[in-house]
Amino acid sequence: MSVNKFKILQDELNKYVNVPIEMTWDFTGRDEAIEEYEKTMLQEVLGGAKDFEIIRFSHKPNLQAFTDINYEFNFFDNTVPVTVATPANWGSTYLNLGFNVTDIYYYTNPFTKSFFKLDFYDTPNETTQKNYFTVIIPLQQGLSQVATISNFVPQVDIRIPTFKLDFVGDKEGFFIYWLRERDYIDIDTFYMSAKFFDARTGVFTRMINRVQIVPNILPTQFTFNNADYFYYRVKLDYQTFTYKVTDVLTGIDTGTATQPIKWYEYINP
């Protein structure tokens, strides 16, 4: 077998080609970088954590330190034509709606399933407003009046749509529950509207903060500024965790026993 023999001689000069390619294979910190990237992407997609814990606001005490809040709902006498409306046509009684004394005294289903609904908006402008929360006042609460079921039985006490809500006794609807922190929704002033749900008909009846009479208050009986006549202003105090209610037209604080929050059935022609 014959083999070719080659001899390579090295001279005194180093001959090489310098190729500038990074050849470092260092994976230190790669896992941590991936985890950090995942957190960043989740933050962008889901958003940051928000504090949605709610806190309870009670009615602001008056000068005599009474904390109760008072509502008076008045209904239009359904036996009277709406075209001859006078202040005397509205009364704080469920009898004006068509409920009879038996319905109210024995708490029949049509009566007990009816309720008042208070909606709280960020503005009285009905084209842009948002409803942030709702408070329900059941009919099983409220003051009473004497009524007659029959001439053959003694008179009885029946509920009327006048409420004195406080920490004790009738308290459903007394508290307002809203966000503790203000970094997500910074609102402390709301505009409260009222509706009555009649379980007999399944219809909501809107309430107004003044009677519809001509010409003392309203320009006409059915034409007025909704922002002024369908709302009360509710202001939350984050220092004392209380709230107060004011008349949007006069700015007078309402809700006391002598100055209750008055609502009247809105008569829609």
C-alpha atoms as a PDB file:
ATOM      1  CA  MET A   1       0.000   0.000   0.000  1.00  0.00           C
ATOM      2  CA  SER A   2       1.376   3.325  -1.019  1.00  0.00           C
ATOM      3  CA  VAL A   3       0.571   6.522   0.915  1.00  0.00           C
ATOM      4  CA  ASN A   4       1.238  10.075  -0.180  1.00  0.00           C
ATOM      5  CA  LYS A   5       3.255  11.953   2.340  1.00  0.00           C
ATOM      6  CA  PHE A   6       2.706  15.680   2.887  1.00  0.00           C
ATOM      7  CA  LYS A   7       4.577  17.954   5.184  1.00  0.00           C
ATOM      8  CA  ILE A   8       3.119  21.270   6.423  1.00  0.00           C
ATOM      9  CA  LEU A   9       5.638  23.763   7.606  1.00  0.00           C
ATOM     10  CA  GLN A  10       4.737  26.615   9.968  1.00  0.00           C
ATOM     11  CA  ASP A  11       6.468  29.870   9.380  1.00  0.00           C
ATOM     12  CA  GLU A  12       7.034  32.575  11.910  1.00  0.00           C
ATOM     13  CA  LEU A  13       3.799  34.540  11.082  1.00  0.00           C
ATOM     14  CA  ASN A  14       0.419  33.696  12.619  1.00  0.00           C
ATOM     15  CA  LYS A  15      -2.202  33.454   9.914  1.00  0.00           C
ATOM     16  CA  TYR A  16      -5.868  33.603  10.996  1.00  0.00           C
ATOM     17  CA  VAL A  17      -9.202  35.258  10.178  1.00  0.00           C
ATOM     18  CA  ASN A  18     -10.961  37.169  13.010  1.00  0.00           C
ATOM     19  CA  VAL A  19     -14.759  36.662  12.642  1.00  0.00           C
ATOM     20  CA  PRO A  20     -16.736  38.974  15.108  1.00  0.00           C
ATOM     21  CA  ILE A  21     -19.527  36.546  16.092  1.00  0.00           C
ATOM     22  CA  GLU A  22     -20.833  36.426  19.675  1.00  0.00           C
ATOM     23  CA  MET A  23     -20.534  32.841  20.801  1.00  0.00           C
ATOM     24  CA  THR A  24     -21.565  33.282  24.461  1.00  0.00           C
ATOM     25  CA  TRP A  25     -24.063  30.615  25.559  1.00  0.00           C
ATOM     26  CA  ASP A  26     -25.179  32.146  28.844  1.00  0.00           C
ATOM     27  CA  PHE A  27     -28.799  31.306  29.887  1.00  0.00           C
ATOM     28  CA  THR A  28     -28.540  32.895  33.337  1.00  0.00           C
ATOM     29  CA  GLY A  29     -31.681  34.979  34.100  1.00  0.00           C
ATOM     30  CA  ARG A  30     -33.626  33.786  31.052  1.00  0.00           C
ATOM     31  CA  ASP A  31     -36.387  32.128  33.166  1.00  0.00           C
ATOM     32  CA  GLU A  32     -36.788  35.245  35.302  1.00  0.00           C
ATOM     33  CA  ALA A  33     -37.029  37.419  32.191  1.00  0.00           C
ATOM     34  CA  ILE A  34     -39.782  35.219  30.755  1.00  0.00           C
ATOM     35  CA  GLU A  35     -41.764  35.380  34.006  1.00  0.00           C
ATOM     36  CA  GLU A  36     -41.411  39.158  34.113  1.00  0.00           C
ATOM     37  CA  TYR A  37     -42.610  39.375  30.514  1.00  0.00           C
ATOM     38  CA  GLU A  38     -45.632  37.227  31.349  1.00  0.00           C
ATOM     39  CA  LYS A  39     -46.511  39.522  34.259  1.00  0.00           C
ATOM     40  CA  THR A  40     -46.190  42.579  32.046  1.00  0.00           C
ATOM     41  CA  MET A  41     -48.468  41.118  29.374  1.00  0.00           C
ATOM     42  CA  LEU A  42     -51.068  40.016  31.937  1.00  0.00           C
ATOM     43  CA  GLN A  43     -51.008  43.500  33.435  1.00  0.00           C
ATOM     44  CA  GLU A  44     -51.694  45.031  30.012  1.00  0.00           C
ATOM     45  CA  VAL A  45     -54.472  42.562  29.178  1.00  0.00           C
ATOM     46  CA  LEU A  46     -56.236  42.309  32.533  1.00  0.00           C
ATOM     47  CA  GLY A  47     -55.364  45.642  34.061  1.00  0.00           C
ATOM     48  CA  GLY A  48     -54.196  46.285  37.589  1.00  0.00           C
ATOM     49  CA  ALA A  49     -55.936  45.159  40.742  1.00  0.00           C
ATOM     50  CA  LYS A  50     -58.615  47.582  41.955  1.00  0.00           C
ATOM     51  CA  ASP A  51     -60.100  47.928  45.405  1.00  0.00           C
ATOM     52  CA  PHE A  52     -63.845  47.401  45.032  1.00  0.00           C
ATOM     53  CA  GLU A  53     -64.573  47.121  48.735  1.00  0.00           C
ATOM     54  CA  ILE A  54     -67.702  49.066  49.678  1.00  0.00           C
ATOM     55  CA  ILE A  55     -68.409  51.059  52.800  1.00  0.00           C
ATOM     56  CA  ARG A  56     -71.639  52.022  54.523  1.00  0.00           C
ATOM     57  CA  PHE A  57     -72.778  55.651  54.616  1.00  0.00           C
ATOM     58  CA  SER A  58     -75.475  56.688  57.104  1.00  0.00           C
ATOM     59  CA  HIS A  59     -77.633  59.799  57.105  1.00  0.00           C
ATOM     60  CA  LYS A  60     -75.889  62.903  58.425  1.00  0.00           C
ATOM     61  CA  PRO A  61     -77.197  63.923  61.889  1.00  0.00           C
ATOM     62  CA  ASN A  62     -79.089  67.196  62.134  1.00  0.00           C
ATOM     63  CA  LEU A  63     -78.439  69.948  64.680  1.00  0.00           C
ATOM     64  CA  GLN A  64     -80.277  67.949  67.337  1.00  0.00           C
ATOM     65  CA  ALA A  65     -78.071  64.908  66.562  1.00  0.00           C
ATOM     66  CA  PHE A  66     -80.983  62.931  65.090  1.00  0.00           C
ATOM     67  CA  THR A  67     -79.797  60.559  62.381  1.00  0.00           C
ATOM     68  CA  ASP A  68     -83.147  59.487  60.901  1.00  0.00           C
ATOM     69  CA  ILE A  69     -84.021  60.198  57.268  1.00  0.00           C
ATOM     70  CA  ASN A  70     -87.639  60.838  56.334  1.00  0.00           C
ATOM     71  CA  TYR A  71     -89.445  60.184  53.053  1.00  0.00           C
ATOM     72  CA  GLU A  72     -92.996  61.140  52.142  1.00  0.00           C
ATOM     73  CA  PHE A  73     -94.443  59.623  48.967  1.00  0.00           C
ATOM     74  CA  ASN A  74     -97.700  61.123  47.716  1.00  0.00           C
ATOM     75  CA  PHE A  75    -100.056  59.572  45.179  1.00  0.00           C
ATOM     76  CA  PHE A  76    -102.606  61.297  42.995  1.00  0.00           C
ATOM     77  CA  ASP A  77    -106.240  60.568  43.763  1.00  0.00           C
ATOM     78  CA  ASN A  78    -107.222  58.295  40.867  1.00  0.00           C
ATOM     79  CA  THR A  79    -110.849  59.400  41.128  1.00  0.00           C
ATOM     80  CA  VAL A  80    -109.985  63.001  40.185  1.00  0.00           C
ATOM     81  CA  PRO A  81    -109.372  64.156  36.571  1.00  0.00           C
ATOM     82  CA  VAL A  82    -105.738  65.134  35.998  1.00  0.00           C
ATOM     83  CA  THR A  83    -106.769  68.369  34.300  1.00  0.00           C
ATOM     84  CA  VAL A  84    -107.961  69.858  37.580  1.00  0.00           C
ATOM     85  CA  ALA A  85    -104.872  69.035  39.628  1.00  0.00           C
ATOM     86  CA  THR A  86    -104.513  70.846  42.944  1.00  0.00           C
ATOM     87  CA  PRO A  87    -102.141  70.146  45.842  1.00  0.00           C
ATOM     88  CA  ALA A  88    -105.007  68.492  47.731  1.00  0.00           C
ATOM     89  CA  ASN A  89    -105.277  65.820  45.010  1.00  0.00           C
ATOM     90  CA  TRP A  90    -102.046  64.170  46.206  1.00  0.00           C
ATOM     91  CA  GLY A  91    -101.933  62.301  49.500  1.00  0.00           C
ATOM     92  CA  SER A  92     -99.551  60.037  51.389  1.00  0.00           C
ATOM     93  CA  THR A  93    -101.805  56.991  51.212  1.00  0.00           C
ATOM     94  CA  TYR A  94    -101.873  53.789  49.197  1.00  0.00           C
ATOM     95  CA  LEU A  95    -105.654  54.099  48.964  1.00  0.00           C
ATOM     96  CA  ASN A  96    -105.204  56.734  46.239  1.00  0.00           C
ATOM     97  CA  LEU A  97    -103.565  54.047  44.088  1.00  0.00           C
ATOM     98  CA  GLY A  98    -106.548  51.726  44.282  1.00  0.00           C
ATOM     99  CA  PHE A  99    -105.365  49.427  47.069  1.00  0.00           C
ATOM    100  CA  ASN A 100    -108.124  48.803  49.588  1.00  0.00           C
ATOM    101  CA  VAL A 101    -107.818  48.596  53.366  1.00  0.00           C
ATOM    102  CA  THR A 102    -107.934  44.789  53.294  1.00  0.00           C
ATOM    103  CA  ASP A 103    -104.996  44.614  50.845  1.00  0.00           C
ATOM    104  CA  ILE A 104    -102.851  46.787  53.077  1.00  0.00           C
ATOM    105  CA  TYR A 105    -103.848  45.394  56.468  1.00  0.00           C
ATOM    106  CA  TYR A 106    -103.498  41.728  55.520  1.00  0.00           C
ATOM    107  CA  TYR A 107    -100.366  42.306  53.393  1.00  0.00           C
ATOM    108  CA  THR A 108    -101.720  40.630  50.283  1.00  0.00           C
ATOM    109  CA  ASN A 109     -99.233  39.647  47.572  1.00  0.00           C
ATOM    110  CA  PRO A 110    -100.010  42.593  45.248  1.00  0.00           C
ATOM    111  CA  PHE A 111     -99.239  44.938  48.132  1.00  0.00           C
ATOM    112  CA  THR A 112     -96.148  43.271  49.616  1.00  0.00           C
ATOM    113  CA  LYS A 113     -94.568  42.702  46.202  1.00  0.00           C
ATOM    114  CA  SER A 114     -94.823  46.415  45.404  1.00  0.00           C
ATOM    115  CA  PHE A 115     -91.928  48.680  46.388  1.00  0.00           C
ATOM    116  CA  PHE A 116     -90.234  52.060  46.010  1.00  0.00           C
ATOM    117  CA  LYS A 117     -87.079  52.195  43.893  1.00  0.00           C
ATOM    118  CA  LEU A 118     -84.502  54.953  44.367  1.00  0.00           C
ATOM    119  CA  ASP A 119     -81.952  55.220  41.550  1.00  0.00           C
ATOM    120  CA  PHE A 120     -78.705  57.149  41.962  1.00  0.00           C
ATOM    121  CA  TYR A 121     -77.154  58.780  38.878  1.00  0.00           C
ATOM    122  CA  ASP A 122     -73.962  60.737  38.280  1.00  0.00           C
ATOM    123  CA  THR A 123     -75.841  63.593  36.607  1.00  0.00           C
ATOM    124  CA  PRO A 124     -79.455  64.776  36.158  1.00  0.00           C
ATOM    125  CA  ASN A 125     -78.832  65.023  32.417  1.00  0.00           C
ATOM    126  CA  GLU A 126     -80.915  62.118  31.141  1.00  0.00           C
ATOM    127  CA  THR A 127     -79.068  61.890  27.825  1.00  0.00           C
ATOM    128  CA  THR A 128     -75.680  61.095  29.410  1.00  0.00           C
ATOM    129  CA  GLN A 129     -76.408  59.847  32.940  1.00  0.00           C
ATOM    130  CA  LYS A 130     -75.362  56.471  34.343  1.00  0.00           C
ATOM    131  CA  ASN A 131     -77.184  54.608  37.099  1.00  0.00           C
ATOM    132  CA  TYR A 132     -74.554  53.527  39.635  1.00  0.00           C
ATOM    133  CA  PHE A 133     -76.693  51.900  42.324  1.00  0.00           C
ATOM    134  CA  THR A 134     -80.266  51.449  43.534  1.00  0.00           C
ATOM    135  CA  VAL A 135     -81.965  51.446  46.938  1.00  0.00           C
ATOM    136  CA  ILE A 136     -85.242  49.591  47.552  1.00  0.00           C
ATOM    137  CA  ILE A 137     -87.784  50.617  50.205  1.00  0.00           C
ATOM    138  CA  PRO A 138     -90.379  47.877  50.884  1.00  0.00           C
ATOM    139  CA  LEU A 139     -93.988  48.706  51.702  1.00  0.00           C
ATOM    140  CA  GLN A 140     -93.964  46.643  54.909  1.00  0.00           C
ATOM    141  CA  GLN A 141     -92.125  49.593  56.471  1.00  0.00           C
ATOM    142  CA  GLY A 142     -93.566  53.021  57.122  1.00  0.00           C
ATOM    143  CA  LEU A 143     -95.850  54.908  59.472  1.00  0.00           C
ATOM    144  CA  SER A 144     -99.514  53.998  59.980  1.00  0.00           C
ATOM    145  CA  GLN A 145    -102.961  55.505  59.740  1.00  0.00           C
ATOM    146  CA  VAL A 146    -106.264  54.380  61.204  1.00  0.00           C
ATOM    147  CA  ALA A 147    -108.687  52.814  58.730  1.00  0.00           C
ATOM    148  CA  THR A 148    -111.937  50.868  58.701  1.00  0.00           C
ATOM    149  CA  ILE A 149    -112.278  47.415  57.185  1.00  0.00           C
ATOM    150  CA  SER A 150    -115.913  46.961  58.138  1.00  0.00           C
ATOM    151  CA  ASN A 151    -118.525  48.577  60.304  1.00  0.00           C
ATOM    152  CA  PHE A 152    -118.718  45.331  62.254  1.00  0.00           C
ATOM    153  CA  VAL A 153    -115.079  45.181  63.369  1.00  0.00           C
ATOM    154  CA  PRO A 154    -112.840  47.669  65.202  1.00  0.00           C
ATOM    155  CA  GLN A 155    -110.677  50.054  63.225  1.00  0.00           C
ATOM    156  CA  VAL A 156    -107.199  48.915  62.263  1.00  0.00           C
ATOM    157  CA  ASP A 157    -103.813  50.505  61.578  1.00  0.00           C
ATOM    158  CA  ILE A 158    -102.555  50.302  58.001  1.00  0.00           C
ATOM    159  CA  ARG A 159     -99.255  51.375  56.451  1.00  0.00           C
ATOM    160  CA  ILE A 160     -98.870  54.691  54.668  1.00  0.00           C
ATOM    161  CA  PRO A 161     -96.038  55.712  52.285  1.00  0.00           C
ATOM    162  CA  THR A 162     -94.335  57.911  54.883  1.00  0.00           C
ATOM    163  CA  PHE A 163     -91.049  56.511  56.164  1.00  0.00           C
ATOM    164  CA  LYS A 164     -88.798  57.284  59.110  1.00  0.00           C
ATOM    165  CA  LEU A 165     -85.631  55.254  58.526  1.00  0.00           C
ATOM    166  CA  ASP A 166     -82.795  54.975  61.032  1.00  0.00           C
ATOM    167  CA  PHE A 167     -80.227  52.631  62.581  1.00  0.00           C
ATOM    168  CA  VAL A 168     -83.014  50.821  64.450  1.00  0.00           C
ATOM    169  CA  GLY A 169     -86.625  50.092  63.560  1.00  0.00           C
ATOM    170  CA  ASP A 170     -87.347  50.636  59.885  1.00  0.00           C
ATOM    171  CA  LYS A 171     -83.858  50.659  58.371  1.00  0.00           C
ATOM    172  CA  GLU A 172     -84.120  49.148  54.873  1.00  0.00           C
ATOM    173  CA  GLY A 173     -83.160  51.996  52.575  1.00  0.00           C
ATOM    174  CA  PHE A 174     -81.462  53.982  55.334  1.00  0.00           C
ATOM    175  CA  PHE A 175     -77.869  53.150  54.393  1.00  0.00           C
ATOM    176  CA  ILE A 176     -76.024  53.898  51.176  1.00  0.00           C
ATOM    177  CA  TYR A 177     -73.277  51.468  50.177  1.00  0.00           C
ATOM    178  CA  TRP A 178     -70.547  52.821  47.920  1.00  0.00           C
ATOM    179  CA  LEU A 179     -66.862  52.300  47.104  1.00  0.00           C
ATOM    180  CA  ARG A 180     -64.378  52.859  49.915  1.00  0.00           C
ATOM    181  CA  GLU A 181     -61.563  53.982  47.594  1.00  0.00           C
ATOM    182  CA  ARG A 182     -61.994  56.705  44.988  1.00  0.00           C
ATOM    183  CA  ASP A 183     -59.127  55.799  42.646  1.00  0.00           C
ATOM    184  CA  TYR A 184     -61.356  53.820  40.248  1.00  0.00           C
ATOM    185  CA  ILE A 185     -64.573  55.896  40.275  1.00  0.00           C
ATOM    186  CA  ASP A 186     -64.164  59.300  41.862  1.00  0.00           C
ATOM    187  CA  ILE A 187     -67.787  60.274  42.501  1.00  0.00           C
ATOM    188  CA  ASP A 188     -69.223  61.613  45.740  1.00  0.00           C
ATOM    189  CA  THR A 189     -72.307  63.443  44.427  1.00  0.00           C
ATOM    190  CA  PHE A 190     -75.327  61.620  43.037  1.00  0.00           C
ATOM    191  CA  TYR A 191     -78.768  62.559  41.787  1.00  0.00           C
ATOM    192  CA  MET A 192     -81.593  60.482  43.224  1.00  0.00           C
ATOM    193  CA  SER A 193     -84.802  59.713  41.356  1.00  0.00           C
ATOM    194  CA  ALA A 194     -87.773  57.705  42.620  1.00  0.00           C
ATOM    195  CA  LYS A 195     -90.184  55.216  41.096  1.00  0.00           C
ATOM    196  CA  PHE A 196     -92.998  53.102  42.514  1.00  0.00           C
ATOM    197  CA  PHE A 197     -93.475  49.547  41.289  1.00  0.00           C
ATOM    198  CA  ASP A 198     -97.126  48.473  41.411  1.00  0.00           C
ATOM    199  CA  ALA A 199     -97.211  44.665  41.548  1.00  0.00           C
ATOM    200  CA  ARG A 200    -100.893  44.640  40.557  1.00  0.00           C
ATOM    201  CA  THR A 201    -100.122  46.048  37.117  1.00  0.00           C
ATOM    202  CA  GLY A 202     -96.376  45.338  36.798  1.00  0.00           C
ATOM    203  CA  VAL A 203     -95.781  49.013  35.941  1.00  0.00           C
ATOM    204  CA  PHE A 204     -93.293  51.530  37.353  1.00  0.00           C
ATOM    205  CA  THR A 205     -94.704  54.969  38.200  1.00  0.00           C
ATOM    206  CA  ARG A 206     -92.256  57.841  38.166  1.00  0.00           C
ATOM    207  CA  MET A 207     -92.197  60.348  41.032  1.00  0.00           C
ATOM    208  CA  ILE A 208     -91.578  64.094  40.920  1.00  0.00           C
ATOM    209  CA  ASN A 209     -90.246  66.332  43.691  1.00  0.00           C
ATOM    210  CA  ARG A 210     -93.069  68.905  43.416  1.00  0.00           C
ATOM    211  CA  VAL A 211     -96.780  68.851  42.698  1.00  0.00           C
ATOM    212  CA  GLN A 212     -97.880  69.558  39.123  1.00  0.00           C
ATOM    213  CA  ILE A 213    -100.045  72.625  39.545  1.00  0.00           C
ATOM    214  CA  VAL A 214    -100.586  75.701  37.404  1.00  0.00           C
ATOM    215  CA  PRO A 215     -99.196  78.360  37.420  1.00  0.00           C
ATOM    216  CA  ASN A 216     -97.430  78.759  40.793  1.00  0.00           C
ATOM    217  CA  ILE A 217     -94.368  76.551  40.311  1.00  0.00           C
ATOM    218  CA  LEU A 218     -94.307  74.930  36.922  1.00  0.00           C
ATOM    219  CA  PRO A 219     -94.676  76.812  33.620  1.00  0.00           C
ATOM    220  CA  THR A 220     -97.421  74.383  32.674  1.00  0.00           C
ATOM    221  CA  GLN A 221     -98.733  71.269  34.305  1.00  0.00           C
ATOM    222  CA  PHE A 222     -96.826  68.930  32.016  1.00  0.00           C
ATOM    223  CA  THR A 223     -93.887  71.016  30.758  1.00  0.00           C
ATOM    224  CA  PHE A 224     -90.844  71.566  32.954  1.00  0.00           C
ATOM    225  CA  ASN A 225     -87.121  70.923  33.254  1.00  0.00           C
ATOM    226  CA  ASN A 226     -86.632  67.246  34.124  1.00  0.00           C
ATOM    227  CA  ALA A 227     -83.256  67.884  35.781  1.00  0.00           C
ATOM    228  CA  ASP A 228     -84.913  70.166  38.342  1.00  0.00           C
ATOM    229  CA  TYR A 229     -88.094  68.252  39.102  1.00  0.00           C
ATOM    230  CA  PHE A 230     -87.219  64.551  38.971  1.00  0.00           C
ATOM    231  CA  TYR A 231     -84.177  64.507  41.284  1.00  0.00           C
ATOM    232  CA  TYR A 232     -82.699  65.266  44.686  1.00  0.00           C
ATOM    233  CA  ARG A 233     -78.953  65.792  45.159  1.00  0.00           C
ATOM    234  CA  VAL A 234     -77.136  63.322  47.445  1.00  0.00           C
ATOM    235  CA  LYS A 235     -73.671  64.225  48.748  1.00  0.00           C
ATOM    236  CA  LEU A 236     -71.343  61.648  50.358  1.00  0.00           C
ATOM    237  CA  ASP A 237     -68.922  62.759  53.075  1.00  0.00           C
ATOM    238  CA  TYR A 238     -65.834  60.509  53.140  1.00  0.00           C
ATOM    239  CA  GLN A 239     -64.575  62.069  56.364  1.00  0.00           C
ATOM    240  CA  THR A 240     -67.594  61.056  58.466  1.00  0.00           C
ATOM    241  CA  PHE A 241     -69.022  58.368  56.154  1.00  0.00           C
ATOM    242  CA  THR A 242     -72.386  60.097  56.090  1.00  0.00           C
ATOM    243  CA  TYR A 243     -74.594  61.534  53.367  1.00  0.00           C
ATOM    244  CA  LYS A 244     -77.049  64.392  53.074  1.00  0.00           C
ATOM    245  CA  VAL A 245     -79.862  65.123  50.644  1.00  0.00           C
ATOM    246  CA  THR A 246     -80.615  68.576  49.243  1.00  0.00           C
ATOM    247  CA  ASP A 247     -83.268  70.090  47.014  1.00  0.00           C
ATOM    248  CA  VAL A 248     -81.721  70.712  43.588  1.00  0.00           C
ATOM    249  CA  LEU A 249     -83.652  73.962  43.126  1.00  0.00           C
ATOM    250  CA  THR A 250     -83.378  75.585  46.550  1.00  0.00           C
ATOM    251  CA  GLY A 251     -80.222  73.923  47.898  1.00  0.00           C
ATOM    252  CA  ILE A 252     -82.008  73.295  51.212  1.00  0.00           C
ATOM    253  CA  ASP A 253     -81.079  70.137  53.118  1.00  0.00           C
ATOM    254  CA  THR A 254     -83.990  67.712  53.321  1.00  0.00           C
ATOM    255  CA  GLY A 255     -84.747  64.413  54.992  1.00  0.00           C
ATOM    256  CA  THR A 256     -85.469  65.604  58.520  1.00  0.00           C
ATOM    257  CA  ALA A 257     -88.774  65.068  60.321  1.00  0.00           C
ATOM    258  CA  THR A 258     -89.751  68.695  59.708  1.00  0.00           C
ATOM    259  CA  GLN A 259     -88.356  68.793  56.155  1.00  0.00           C
ATOM    260  CA  PRO A 260     -88.914  65.298  54.683  1.00  0.00           C
ATOM    261  CA  ILE A 261     -87.897  64.252  51.198  1.00  0.00           C
ATOM    262  CA  LYS A 262     -91.185  64.607  49.376  1.00  0.00           C
ATOM    263  CA  TRP A 263     -92.121  62.730  46.229  1.00  0.00           C
ATOM    264  CA  TYR A 264     -95.315  63.053  44.210  1.00  0.00           C
ATOM    265  CA  GLU A 265     -96.772  60.720  41.643  1.00  0.00           C
ATOM    266  CA  TYR A 266     -95.975  62.133  38.213  1.00  0.00           C
ATOM    267  CA  ILE A 267     -99.137  62.575  36.164  1.00  0.00           C
ATOM    268  CA  ASN A 268     -98.318  61.878  32.531  1.00  0.00           C
ATOM    269  CA  PRO A 269    -100.956  63.186  30.125  1.00  0.00           C
END
